[in-house]
């Protein structure tokens, strides 16, 4: 997913992000943004790396 696609997804779910004004966020709003980011990242996770942990993906082997 590109940066623009991610921003578009945020704006679809949070229409107030499309304006030119300021957006303030409560702790609940920040948590919602985090949850949306997590959900989108999980949907975009490549199937070819399924079963590998983060260190395998980044460093080619497990940390000891």
C-alpha atoms as a PDB file:
ATOM      1  CA  UNK A   1       0.000   0.000   0.000  1.00  0.00           C
ATOM      2  CA  UNK A   2       1.329   3.411  -0.879  1.00  0.00           C
ATOM      3  CA  UNK A   3       1.413   6.391   1.428  1.00  0.00           C
ATOM      4  CA  UNK A   4      -1.379   8.035  -0.572  1.00  0.00           C
ATOM      5  CA  UNK A   5      -3.559   4.923  -0.386  1.00  0.00           C
ATOM      6  CA  UNK A   6      -3.114   4.759   3.392  1.00  0.00           C
ATOM      7  CA  UNK A   7      -3.999   8.442   3.777  1.00  0.00           C
ATOM      8  CA  UNK A   8      -7.073   7.941   1.586  1.00  0.00           C
ATOM      9  CA  UNK A   9      -8.160   5.054   3.808  1.00  0.00           C
ATOM     10  CA  UNK A  10      -7.765   7.218   6.920  1.00  0.00           C
ATOM     11  CA  UNK A  11      -9.799   9.999   5.333  1.00  0.00           C
ATOM     12  CA  UNK A  12     -12.590   7.606   4.362  1.00  0.00           C
ATOM     13  CA  UNK A  13     -12.833   6.434   7.969  1.00  0.00           C
ATOM     14  CA  UNK A  14     -12.220   9.883   9.494  1.00  0.00           C
ATOM     15  CA  UNK A  15     -13.727  12.546   7.185  1.00  0.00           C
ATOM     16  CA  UNK A  16     -12.544  15.402   9.427  1.00  0.00           C
ATOM     17  CA  UNK A  17      -8.959  14.647   8.318  1.00  0.00           C
ATOM     18  CA  UNK A  18      -9.667  16.027   4.829  1.00  0.00           C
ATOM     19  CA  UNK A  19     -10.125  19.648   5.955  1.00  0.00           C
ATOM     20  CA  UNK A  20      -7.537  22.384   6.221  1.00  0.00           C
ATOM     21  CA  UNK A  21      -8.251  23.101   9.898  1.00  0.00           C
ATOM     22  CA  UNK A  22      -6.784  21.615  13.019  1.00  0.00           C
ATOM     23  CA  UNK A  23      -7.743  18.198  14.267  1.00  0.00           C
ATOM     24  CA  UNK A  24      -7.466  17.458  17.950  1.00  0.00           C
ATOM     25  CA  UNK A  25      -7.539  13.935  19.216  1.00  0.00           C
ATOM     26  CA  UNK A  26      -8.606  12.427  22.488  1.00  0.00           C
ATOM     27  CA  UNK A  27      -6.851   9.378  23.886  1.00  0.00           C
ATOM     28  CA  UNK A  28      -9.741   7.317  22.496  1.00  0.00           C
ATOM     29  CA  UNK A  29      -9.278   8.916  19.063  1.00  0.00           C
ATOM     30  CA  UNK A  30      -5.557   8.191  19.112  1.00  0.00           C
ATOM     31  CA  UNK A  31      -6.276   4.573  20.054  1.00  0.00           C
ATOM     32  CA  UNK A  32      -8.770   4.357  17.169  1.00  0.00           C
ATOM     33  CA  UNK A  33      -6.121   5.665  14.758  1.00  0.00           C
ATOM     34  CA  UNK A  34      -3.661   3.084  16.076  1.00  0.00           C
ATOM     35  CA  UNK A  35      -6.220   0.293  15.679  1.00  0.00           C
ATOM     36  CA  UNK A  36      -6.956   1.367  12.102  1.00  0.00           C
ATOM     37  CA  UNK A  37      -3.251   1.393  11.285  1.00  0.00           C
ATOM     38  CA  UNK A  38      -2.815  -2.064  12.808  1.00  0.00           C
ATOM     39  CA  UNK A  39      -5.814  -3.419  10.886  1.00  0.00           C
ATOM     40  CA  UNK A  40      -4.583  -2.018   7.571  1.00  0.00           C
ATOM     41  CA  UNK A  41      -1.076  -3.363   8.184  1.00  0.00           C
ATOM     42  CA  UNK A  42      -2.451  -6.832   8.931  1.00  0.00           C
ATOM     43  CA  UNK A  43      -4.482  -6.770   5.724  1.00  0.00           C
ATOM     44  CA  UNK A  44      -1.402  -5.787   3.725  1.00  0.00           C
ATOM     45  CA  UNK A  45       0.894  -8.385   5.282  1.00  0.00           C
ATOM     46  CA  UNK A  46       2.444 -10.422   2.455  1.00  0.00           C
ATOM     47  CA  UNK A  47       1.423 -14.070   2.540  1.00  0.00           C
ATOM     48  CA  UNK A  48       4.932 -15.128   1.529  1.00  0.00           C
ATOM     49  CA  UNK A  49       6.233 -14.131   4.966  1.00  0.00           C
ATOM     50  CA  UNK A  50       3.500 -15.982   6.857  1.00  0.00           C
ATOM     51  CA  UNK A  51       4.955 -17.987   9.689  1.00  0.00           C
ATOM     52  CA  UNK A  52       8.130 -15.925   9.905  1.00  0.00           C
ATOM     53  CA  UNK A  53       8.713 -13.707  12.872  1.00  0.00           C
ATOM     54  CA  UNK A  54       9.884 -10.121  12.645  1.00  0.00           C
ATOM     55  CA  UNK A  55      13.550 -10.948  13.141  1.00  0.00           C
ATOM     56  CA  UNK A  56      13.524 -13.617  10.447  1.00  0.00           C
ATOM     57  CA  UNK A  57      12.020 -11.116   8.027  1.00  0.00           C
ATOM     58  CA  UNK A  58      14.391  -8.287   8.901  1.00  0.00           C
ATOM     59  CA  UNK A  59      17.639 -10.118   9.593  1.00  0.00           C
ATOM     60  CA  UNK A  60      17.316 -13.485   7.880  1.00  0.00           C
ATOM     61  CA  UNK A  61      17.526 -15.494  11.073  1.00  0.00           C
ATOM     62  CA  UNK A  62      16.323 -15.666  14.632  1.00  0.00           C
ATOM     63  CA  UNK A  63      18.027 -13.640  17.321  1.00  0.00           C
ATOM     64  CA  UNK A  64      19.641 -15.709  20.021  1.00  0.00           C
END
